[in-house]
Amino acid sequence: MWREIGDRQFMRLLDISPTTGLSFVVDTTGSMGEEISAAKFQAREIIERRQGTPQQPDFYLLVPFHDPSFGPVSKTSNPEEFWEVLNTISPLGGGDEPEMCLSALELALQNSSPYSEIFVFTDASAKDAHLKNIAEYLIQKKQCKVSWTFKDL
């Protein structure tokens, strides 16, 4: 059976290797115009670098945010489908800071498996700072790794 399904699936079958995801939380306000392009480029590099390796995620997740809203969650196991969804995001409005960053991060955490990796791209502080403890709790509970990319804060 191991030869038929491969190393990765065999390890999952034996519950040796957890299901993991790769998530991107992206600020889509107008001030992020160039940074959205950079985030797309970086996401593509990360995804391509992990293809065919033990670090290849089982799913890809995108949560865009701006003020006053965040979401929806886009989740797929197909990297090409994820790339298509990621390419649809573009800067919207903006002008006032802060943004709904922690709400978007919480949504990503709620939709991610334990041990997933989450990248957050923003240029603003959190309007929803009251969610900091909840986000920290979910990060610790799910043992997710969160990497922040800020622009000129």
N, C-alpha and C. Protein backbone atom coordinates (compact mmCIF):
# COMPACT_ATOMS: atom_id res chain seq x y z
N MET A 1 0.82 -1.19 0.00
CA MET A 1 0.00 0.00 0.00
C MET A 1 0.88 1.26 0.00
N TRP A 2 1.98 1.25 0.75
CA TRP A 2 2.85 2.41 0.85
C TRP A 2 3.32 2.86 -0.53
N ARG A 3 3.68 1.92 -1.39
CA ARG A 3 4.15 2.27 -2.73
C ARG A 3 3.04 2.90 -3.58
N GLU A 4 1.82 2.45 -3.35
CA GLU A 4 0.71 2.96 -4.14
C GLU A 4 0.34 4.39 -3.78
N ILE A 5 0.39 4.72 -2.50
CA ILE A 5 -0.06 6.05 -2.09
C ILE A 5 1.08 7.04 -1.82
N GLY A 6 2.30 6.57 -1.71
CA GLY A 6 3.44 7.46 -1.50
C GLY A 6 3.73 7.73 -0.04
N ASP A 7 4.91 8.27 0.20
CA ASP A 7 5.38 8.53 1.56
C ASP A 7 4.46 9.45 2.35
N ARG A 8 4.12 10.56 1.74
CA ARG A 8 3.34 11.59 2.43
C ARG A 8 1.99 11.07 2.90
N GLN A 9 1.24 10.44 2.01
CA GLN A 9 -0.08 9.92 2.37
C GLN A 9 0.04 8.75 3.35
N PHE A 10 1.06 7.95 3.20
CA PHE A 10 1.25 6.83 4.12
C PHE A 10 1.51 7.35 5.54
N MET A 11 2.31 8.39 5.65
CA MET A 11 2.57 8.99 6.96
C MET A 11 1.30 9.57 7.56
N ARG A 12 0.45 10.17 6.72
CA ARG A 12 -0.82 10.71 7.21
C ARG A 12 -1.74 9.58 7.69
N LEU A 13 -1.75 8.50 6.94
CA LEU A 13 -2.56 7.34 7.28
C LEU A 13 -2.18 6.79 8.66
N LEU A 14 -0.90 6.78 8.96
CA LEU A 14 -0.41 6.31 10.25
C LEU A 14 -0.45 7.40 11.32
N ASP A 15 -0.94 8.58 10.95
CA ASP A 15 -1.03 9.73 11.85
C ASP A 15 0.35 10.15 12.37
N ILE A 16 1.36 10.00 11.53
CA ILE A 16 2.71 10.40 11.89
C ILE A 16 2.95 11.86 11.49
N SER A 17 2.32 12.28 10.44
CA SER A 17 2.51 13.63 9.91
C SER A 17 1.18 14.36 9.91
N PRO A 18 1.11 15.54 10.56
CA PRO A 18 -0.17 16.25 10.62
C PRO A 18 -0.53 16.93 9.29
N THR A 19 -1.82 17.17 9.10
CA THR A 19 -2.28 17.96 7.98
C THR A 19 -1.90 19.40 8.26
N THR A 20 -1.28 20.06 7.32
CA THR A 20 -0.88 21.44 7.54
C THR A 20 -1.36 22.32 6.40
N GLY A 21 -1.41 23.60 6.68
CA GLY A 21 -1.83 24.55 5.68
C GLY A 21 -0.87 25.71 5.57
N LEU A 22 -1.03 26.45 4.51
CA LEU A 22 -0.25 27.64 4.26
C LEU A 22 -1.26 28.75 4.01
N SER A 23 -1.26 29.73 4.91
CA SER A 23 -2.28 30.79 4.86
C SER A 23 -1.65 32.15 4.63
N PHE A 24 -2.40 32.99 3.92
CA PHE A 24 -1.97 34.35 3.67
C PHE A 24 -3.10 35.29 4.07
N VAL A 25 -2.78 36.24 4.95
CA VAL A 25 -3.72 37.26 5.42
C VAL A 25 -3.20 38.57 4.83
N VAL A 26 -3.99 39.18 3.93
CA VAL A 26 -3.48 40.31 3.14
C VAL A 26 -4.36 41.54 3.29
N ASP A 27 -3.75 42.65 3.68
CA ASP A 27 -4.38 43.96 3.76
C ASP A 27 -4.61 44.43 2.33
N THR A 28 -5.87 44.74 1.99
CA THR A 28 -6.19 45.13 0.62
C THR A 28 -6.58 46.61 0.51
N THR A 29 -6.18 47.44 1.48
CA THR A 29 -6.49 48.86 1.38
C THR A 29 -5.63 49.50 0.29
N GLY A 30 -6.06 50.68 -0.15
CA GLY A 30 -5.39 51.38 -1.24
C GLY A 30 -3.91 51.61 -1.02
N SER A 31 -3.52 51.85 0.22
CA SER A 31 -2.11 52.12 0.52
C SER A 31 -1.22 50.90 0.30
N MET A 32 -1.82 49.74 0.11
CA MET A 32 -1.07 48.49 -0.08
C MET A 32 -0.87 48.14 -1.55
N GLY A 33 -1.15 49.05 -2.46
CA GLY A 33 -1.08 48.76 -3.89
C GLY A 33 0.15 47.98 -4.32
N GLU A 34 1.33 48.54 -4.11
CA GLU A 34 2.57 47.87 -4.50
C GLU A 34 2.84 46.65 -3.63
N GLU A 35 2.46 46.73 -2.36
CA GLU A 35 2.72 45.62 -1.44
C GLU A 35 1.87 44.40 -1.77
N ILE A 36 0.68 44.60 -2.33
CA ILE A 36 -0.14 43.46 -2.73
C ILE A 36 0.56 42.70 -3.85
N SER A 37 1.15 43.42 -4.78
CA SER A 37 1.92 42.76 -5.84
C SER A 37 3.09 42.00 -5.26
N ALA A 38 3.78 42.61 -4.29
CA ALA A 38 4.92 41.94 -3.64
C ALA A 38 4.45 40.72 -2.85
N ALA A 39 3.29 40.83 -2.19
CA ALA A 39 2.75 39.69 -1.43
C ALA A 39 2.41 38.53 -2.36
N LYS A 40 1.84 38.84 -3.52
CA LYS A 40 1.52 37.80 -4.50
C LYS A 40 2.80 37.10 -4.97
N PHE A 41 3.82 37.90 -5.24
CA PHE A 41 5.10 37.34 -5.69
C PHE A 41 5.70 36.45 -4.62
N GLN A 42 5.69 36.95 -3.38
CA GLN A 42 6.25 36.18 -2.27
C GLN A 42 5.47 34.88 -2.05
N ALA A 43 4.15 34.96 -2.12
CA ALA A 43 3.31 33.76 -1.95
C ALA A 43 3.65 32.73 -3.02
N ARG A 44 3.79 33.17 -4.24
CA ARG A 44 4.11 32.26 -5.34
C ARG A 44 5.45 31.57 -5.09
N GLU A 45 6.45 32.35 -4.65
CA GLU A 45 7.77 31.78 -4.35
C GLU A 45 7.68 30.73 -3.24
N ILE A 46 6.95 31.04 -2.18
CA ILE A 46 6.81 30.12 -1.05
C ILE A 46 6.14 28.83 -1.50
N ILE A 47 5.06 28.96 -2.26
CA ILE A 47 4.31 27.79 -2.74
C ILE A 47 5.19 26.93 -3.64
N GLU A 48 5.87 27.56 -4.60
CA GLU A 48 6.71 26.80 -5.53
C GLU A 48 7.88 26.12 -4.83
N ARG A 49 8.47 26.80 -3.85
CA ARG A 49 9.61 26.24 -3.12
C ARG A 49 9.22 24.99 -2.33
N ARG A 50 7.96 24.89 -1.93
CA ARG A 50 7.52 23.76 -1.10
C ARG A 50 6.91 22.61 -1.89
N GLN A 51 6.62 22.83 -3.16
CA GLN A 51 6.03 21.77 -3.98
C GLN A 51 6.95 20.56 -4.05
N GLY A 52 6.37 19.39 -3.82
CA GLY A 52 7.12 18.14 -3.92
C GLY A 52 8.08 17.88 -2.78
N THR A 53 7.98 18.67 -1.70
CA THR A 53 8.84 18.47 -0.53
C THR A 53 7.97 18.08 0.66
N PRO A 54 8.56 17.64 1.76
CA PRO A 54 7.77 17.35 2.96
C PRO A 54 7.04 18.58 3.50
N GLN A 55 7.49 19.78 3.14
CA GLN A 55 6.84 21.02 3.59
C GLN A 55 5.66 21.43 2.70
N GLN A 56 5.34 20.65 1.69
CA GLN A 56 4.20 20.98 0.84
C GLN A 56 2.93 20.93 1.68
N PRO A 57 2.17 22.02 1.73
CA PRO A 57 0.96 22.03 2.55
C PRO A 57 -0.16 21.22 1.93
N ASP A 58 -1.12 20.86 2.78
CA ASP A 58 -2.29 20.13 2.31
C ASP A 58 -3.35 21.09 1.78
N PHE A 59 -3.30 22.35 2.23
CA PHE A 59 -4.25 23.33 1.73
C PHE A 59 -3.63 24.72 1.76
N TYR A 60 -4.23 25.60 0.99
CA TYR A 60 -3.82 27.00 0.89
C TYR A 60 -5.03 27.84 1.27
N LEU A 61 -4.79 28.90 2.03
CA LEU A 61 -5.90 29.70 2.53
C LEU A 61 -5.56 31.18 2.36
N LEU A 62 -6.55 31.96 1.95
CA LEU A 62 -6.40 33.40 1.78
C LEU A 62 -7.50 34.11 2.55
N VAL A 63 -7.11 35.12 3.35
CA VAL A 63 -8.09 35.97 4.03
C VAL A 63 -7.69 37.43 3.76
N PRO A 64 -8.40 38.12 2.87
CA PRO A 64 -8.13 39.54 2.65
C PRO A 64 -8.82 40.37 3.74
N PHE A 65 -8.31 41.58 3.98
CA PHE A 65 -8.98 42.46 4.94
C PHE A 65 -8.71 43.92 4.60
N HIS A 66 -9.65 44.76 5.00
CA HIS A 66 -9.53 46.21 4.96
C HIS A 66 -10.55 46.74 5.95
N ASP A 67 -10.63 48.01 6.12
CA ASP A 67 -11.59 48.57 7.06
C ASP A 67 -12.82 49.01 6.27
N PRO A 68 -13.97 48.53 6.65
CA PRO A 68 -14.32 47.90 7.92
C PRO A 68 -14.49 46.38 7.87
N SER A 69 -14.12 45.73 6.79
CA SER A 69 -14.44 44.31 6.70
C SER A 69 -13.20 43.43 6.56
N PHE A 70 -13.45 42.12 6.62
CA PHE A 70 -12.40 41.12 6.45
C PHE A 70 -13.05 39.87 5.90
N GLY A 71 -12.25 39.05 5.21
CA GLY A 71 -12.76 37.84 4.58
C GLY A 71 -13.26 38.16 3.19
N PRO A 72 -13.84 37.19 2.54
CA PRO A 72 -14.12 35.82 3.00
C PRO A 72 -12.87 34.94 2.93
N VAL A 73 -12.99 33.77 3.52
CA VAL A 73 -11.93 32.78 3.48
C VAL A 73 -11.99 32.05 2.15
N SER A 74 -10.87 31.97 1.47
CA SER A 74 -10.75 31.14 0.27
C SER A 74 -9.78 30.02 0.61
N LYS A 75 -10.23 28.78 0.48
CA LYS A 75 -9.41 27.63 0.88
C LYS A 75 -9.48 26.57 -0.20
N THR A 76 -8.30 26.06 -0.59
CA THR A 76 -8.22 25.02 -1.61
C THR A 76 -6.98 24.16 -1.38
N SER A 77 -7.04 22.95 -1.87
CA SER A 77 -5.85 22.09 -1.80
C SER A 77 -5.03 22.17 -3.09
N ASN A 78 -5.54 22.89 -4.07
CA ASN A 78 -4.89 23.01 -5.37
C ASN A 78 -4.11 24.33 -5.44
N PRO A 79 -2.78 24.27 -5.56
CA PRO A 79 -2.01 25.52 -5.59
C PRO A 79 -2.35 26.43 -6.77
N GLU A 80 -2.72 25.86 -7.90
CA GLU A 80 -3.09 26.69 -9.05
C GLU A 80 -4.41 27.41 -8.81
N GLU A 81 -5.38 26.73 -8.19
CA GLU A 81 -6.64 27.39 -7.83
C GLU A 81 -6.38 28.52 -6.84
N PHE A 82 -5.50 28.27 -5.87
CA PHE A 82 -5.16 29.30 -4.89
C PHE A 82 -4.55 30.51 -5.59
N TRP A 83 -3.64 30.24 -6.50
CA TRP A 83 -2.98 31.32 -7.23
C TRP A 83 -4.00 32.16 -8.00
N GLU A 84 -5.00 31.51 -8.60
CA GLU A 84 -6.05 32.24 -9.32
C GLU A 84 -6.82 33.16 -8.38
N VAL A 85 -7.16 32.66 -7.19
CA VAL A 85 -7.89 33.47 -6.21
C VAL A 85 -7.02 34.62 -5.73
N LEU A 86 -5.77 34.34 -5.42
CA LEU A 86 -4.86 35.38 -4.95
C LEU A 86 -4.72 36.49 -5.99
N ASN A 87 -4.70 36.12 -7.26
CA ASN A 87 -4.56 37.13 -8.32
C ASN A 87 -5.78 38.03 -8.46
N THR A 88 -6.91 37.66 -7.86
CA THR A 88 -8.11 38.50 -7.96
C THR A 88 -8.11 39.64 -6.96
N ILE A 89 -7.28 39.58 -5.92
CA ILE A 89 -7.32 40.66 -4.94
C ILE A 89 -6.61 41.88 -5.47
N SER A 90 -7.16 43.04 -5.11
CA SER A 90 -6.57 44.31 -5.54
C SER A 90 -6.87 45.34 -4.46
N PRO A 91 -6.14 46.46 -4.46
CA PRO A 91 -6.35 47.47 -3.43
C PRO A 91 -7.73 48.11 -3.54
N LEU A 92 -8.36 48.34 -2.38
CA LEU A 92 -9.68 48.96 -2.32
C LEU A 92 -9.64 50.14 -1.36
N GLY A 93 -10.03 51.29 -1.78
CA GLY A 93 -10.18 52.43 -0.89
C GLY A 93 -9.00 52.64 0.04
N GLY A 94 -9.34 52.85 1.29
CA GLY A 94 -8.30 53.05 2.30
C GLY A 94 -8.26 54.49 2.72
N GLY A 95 -7.15 54.89 3.27
CA GLY A 95 -7.01 56.27 3.71
C GLY A 95 -7.01 56.39 5.21
N ASP A 96 -7.87 55.64 5.88
CA ASP A 96 -7.82 55.71 7.34
C ASP A 96 -7.16 54.46 7.88
N GLU A 97 -6.43 54.66 8.91
CA GLU A 97 -5.75 53.57 9.59
C GLU A 97 -6.31 53.58 11.00
N PRO A 98 -6.36 52.57 11.70
CA PRO A 98 -5.91 51.19 11.52
C PRO A 98 -6.91 50.32 10.77
N GLU A 99 -6.56 49.04 10.62
CA GLU A 99 -7.37 48.09 9.84
C GLU A 99 -7.78 46.88 10.68
N MET A 100 -8.59 46.00 10.10
CA MET A 100 -9.16 44.84 10.81
C MET A 100 -8.24 43.61 10.72
N CYS A 101 -6.99 43.80 11.00
CA CYS A 101 -5.97 42.77 10.84
C CYS A 101 -6.18 41.56 11.75
N LEU A 102 -6.43 41.78 13.03
CA LEU A 102 -6.55 40.65 13.96
C LEU A 102 -7.83 39.85 13.72
N SER A 103 -8.88 40.50 13.24
CA SER A 103 -10.10 39.76 12.87
C SER A 103 -9.80 38.81 11.72
N ALA A 104 -9.04 39.29 10.74
CA ALA A 104 -8.66 38.44 9.60
C ALA A 104 -7.74 37.32 10.05
N LEU A 105 -6.79 37.63 10.94
CA LEU A 105 -5.89 36.59 11.45
C LEU A 105 -6.68 35.54 12.23
N GLU A 106 -7.62 35.99 13.06
CA GLU A 106 -8.45 35.03 13.81
C GLU A 106 -9.22 34.12 12.85
N LEU A 107 -9.77 34.68 11.80
CA LEU A 107 -10.49 33.89 10.80
C LEU A 107 -9.56 32.86 10.14
N ALA A 108 -8.35 33.27 9.83
CA ALA A 108 -7.37 32.35 9.24
C ALA A 108 -7.04 31.23 10.23
N LEU A 109 -6.85 31.57 11.49
CA LEU A 109 -6.53 30.57 12.51
C LEU A 109 -7.68 29.58 12.70
N GLN A 110 -8.90 30.09 12.70
CA GLN A 110 -10.07 29.22 12.86
C GLN A 110 -10.22 28.23 11.71
N ASN A 111 -9.72 28.60 10.55
CA ASN A 111 -9.85 27.75 9.36
C ASN A 111 -8.57 26.99 9.01
N SER A 112 -7.59 27.04 9.90
CA SER A 112 -6.31 26.37 9.67
C SER A 112 -6.15 25.18 10.60
N SER A 113 -5.44 24.19 10.12
CA SER A 113 -5.10 23.02 10.93
C SER A 113 -3.96 23.38 11.87
N PRO A 114 -3.78 22.59 12.94
CA PRO A 114 -2.61 22.79 13.78
C PRO A 114 -1.32 22.68 12.95
N TYR A 115 -0.32 23.40 13.39
CA TYR A 115 1.01 23.42 12.78
C TYR A 115 1.05 24.13 11.42
N SER A 116 -0.01 24.82 11.07
CA SER A 116 -0.01 25.57 9.81
C SER A 116 0.87 26.80 9.92
N GLU A 117 1.21 27.35 8.77
CA GLU A 117 2.01 28.57 8.72
C GLU A 117 1.16 29.68 8.10
N ILE A 118 1.21 30.85 8.73
CA ILE A 118 0.39 31.98 8.30
C ILE A 118 1.29 33.19 8.06
N PHE A 119 1.12 33.81 6.90
CA PHE A 119 1.86 35.03 6.57
C PHE A 119 0.87 36.19 6.55
N VAL A 120 1.18 37.27 7.27
CA VAL A 120 0.32 38.45 7.35
C VAL A 120 1.05 39.61 6.67
N PHE A 121 0.38 40.24 5.70
CA PHE A 121 0.93 41.38 4.98
C PHE A 121 0.06 42.61 5.27
N THR A 122 0.65 43.65 5.87
CA THR A 122 -0.11 44.86 6.18
C THR A 122 0.83 46.06 6.28
N ASP A 123 0.23 47.26 6.22
CA ASP A 123 0.99 48.48 6.46
C ASP A 123 0.31 49.31 7.54
N ALA A 124 -0.60 48.70 8.28
CA ALA A 124 -1.38 49.44 9.27
C ALA A 124 -1.39 48.72 10.61
N SER A 125 -1.67 49.48 11.64
CA SER A 125 -1.84 48.88 12.96
C SER A 125 -3.24 48.25 13.04
N ALA A 126 -3.49 47.52 14.10
CA ALA A 126 -4.75 46.78 14.26
C ALA A 126 -5.83 47.66 14.89
N LYS A 127 -6.93 47.83 14.18
CA LYS A 127 -8.09 48.53 14.71
C LYS A 127 -8.78 47.67 15.77
N ASP A 128 -8.62 46.37 15.63
CA ASP A 128 -9.28 45.40 16.50
C ASP A 128 -8.28 44.81 17.50
N ALA A 129 -7.49 45.68 18.12
CA ALA A 129 -6.45 45.23 19.06
C ALA A 129 -7.04 44.46 20.24
N HIS A 130 -8.32 44.64 20.51
CA HIS A 130 -8.97 43.90 21.61
C HIS A 130 -8.97 42.38 21.35
N LEU A 131 -8.69 41.97 20.11
CA LEU A 131 -8.65 40.54 19.78
C LEU A 131 -7.25 39.92 19.94
N LYS A 132 -6.30 40.71 20.41
CA LYS A 132 -4.92 40.23 20.53
C LYS A 132 -4.83 38.95 21.37
N ASN A 133 -5.49 38.92 22.53
CA ASN A 133 -5.40 37.74 23.40
C ASN A 133 -6.02 36.51 22.75
N ILE A 134 -7.12 36.69 22.02
CA ILE A 134 -7.76 35.57 21.33
C ILE A 134 -6.84 35.03 20.24
N ALA A 135 -6.24 35.94 19.47
CA ALA A 135 -5.31 35.52 18.41
C ALA A 135 -4.12 34.77 19.01
N GLU A 136 -3.56 35.31 20.09
CA GLU A 136 -2.42 34.64 20.73
C GLU A 136 -2.81 33.26 21.25
N TYR A 137 -4.01 33.16 21.83
CA TYR A 137 -4.49 31.87 22.34
C TYR A 137 -4.60 30.85 21.20
N LEU A 138 -5.21 31.27 20.08
CA LEU A 138 -5.37 30.36 18.94
C LEU A 138 -4.03 29.96 18.34
N ILE A 139 -3.10 30.90 18.28
CA ILE A 139 -1.76 30.58 17.76
C ILE A 139 -1.11 29.51 18.63
N GLN A 140 -1.19 29.68 19.94
CA GLN A 140 -0.58 28.70 20.85
C GLN A 140 -1.33 27.37 20.83
N LYS A 141 -2.65 27.44 20.84
CA LYS A 141 -3.46 26.21 20.85
C LYS A 141 -3.19 25.36 19.61
N LYS A 142 -3.15 26.02 18.45
CA LYS A 142 -2.96 25.30 17.20
C LYS A 142 -1.49 25.16 16.81
N GLN A 143 -0.62 25.77 17.58
CA GLN A 143 0.82 25.73 17.33
C GLN A 143 1.16 26.17 15.90
N CYS A 144 0.48 27.22 15.48
CA CYS A 144 0.73 27.78 14.15
C CYS A 144 1.91 28.76 14.22
N LYS A 145 2.58 28.89 13.11
CA LYS A 145 3.66 29.87 12.99
C LYS A 145 3.11 31.05 12.19
N VAL A 146 3.18 32.24 12.79
CA VAL A 146 2.68 33.44 12.13
C VAL A 146 3.85 34.36 11.84
N SER A 147 4.00 34.75 10.58
CA SER A 147 5.05 35.67 10.16
C SER A 147 4.40 36.97 9.70
N TRP A 148 4.89 38.08 10.22
CA TRP A 148 4.33 39.39 9.91
C TRP A 148 5.24 40.15 8.95
N THR A 149 4.64 40.76 7.94
CA THR A 149 5.36 41.62 7.02
C THR A 149 4.69 42.99 7.07
N PHE A 150 5.42 43.97 7.60
CA PHE A 150 4.89 45.32 7.73
C PHE A 150 5.60 46.25 6.77
N LYS A 151 4.88 47.30 6.38
CA LYS A 151 5.49 48.34 5.55
C LYS A 151 5.39 49.66 6.30
N ASP A 152 6.52 50.24 6.61
CA ASP A 152 6.60 51.60 7.16
C ASP A 152 5.63 51.89 8.30
N LEU A 153 5.57 51.05 9.30
CA LEU A 153 4.70 51.35 10.45
C LEU A 153 5.37 52.30 11.40
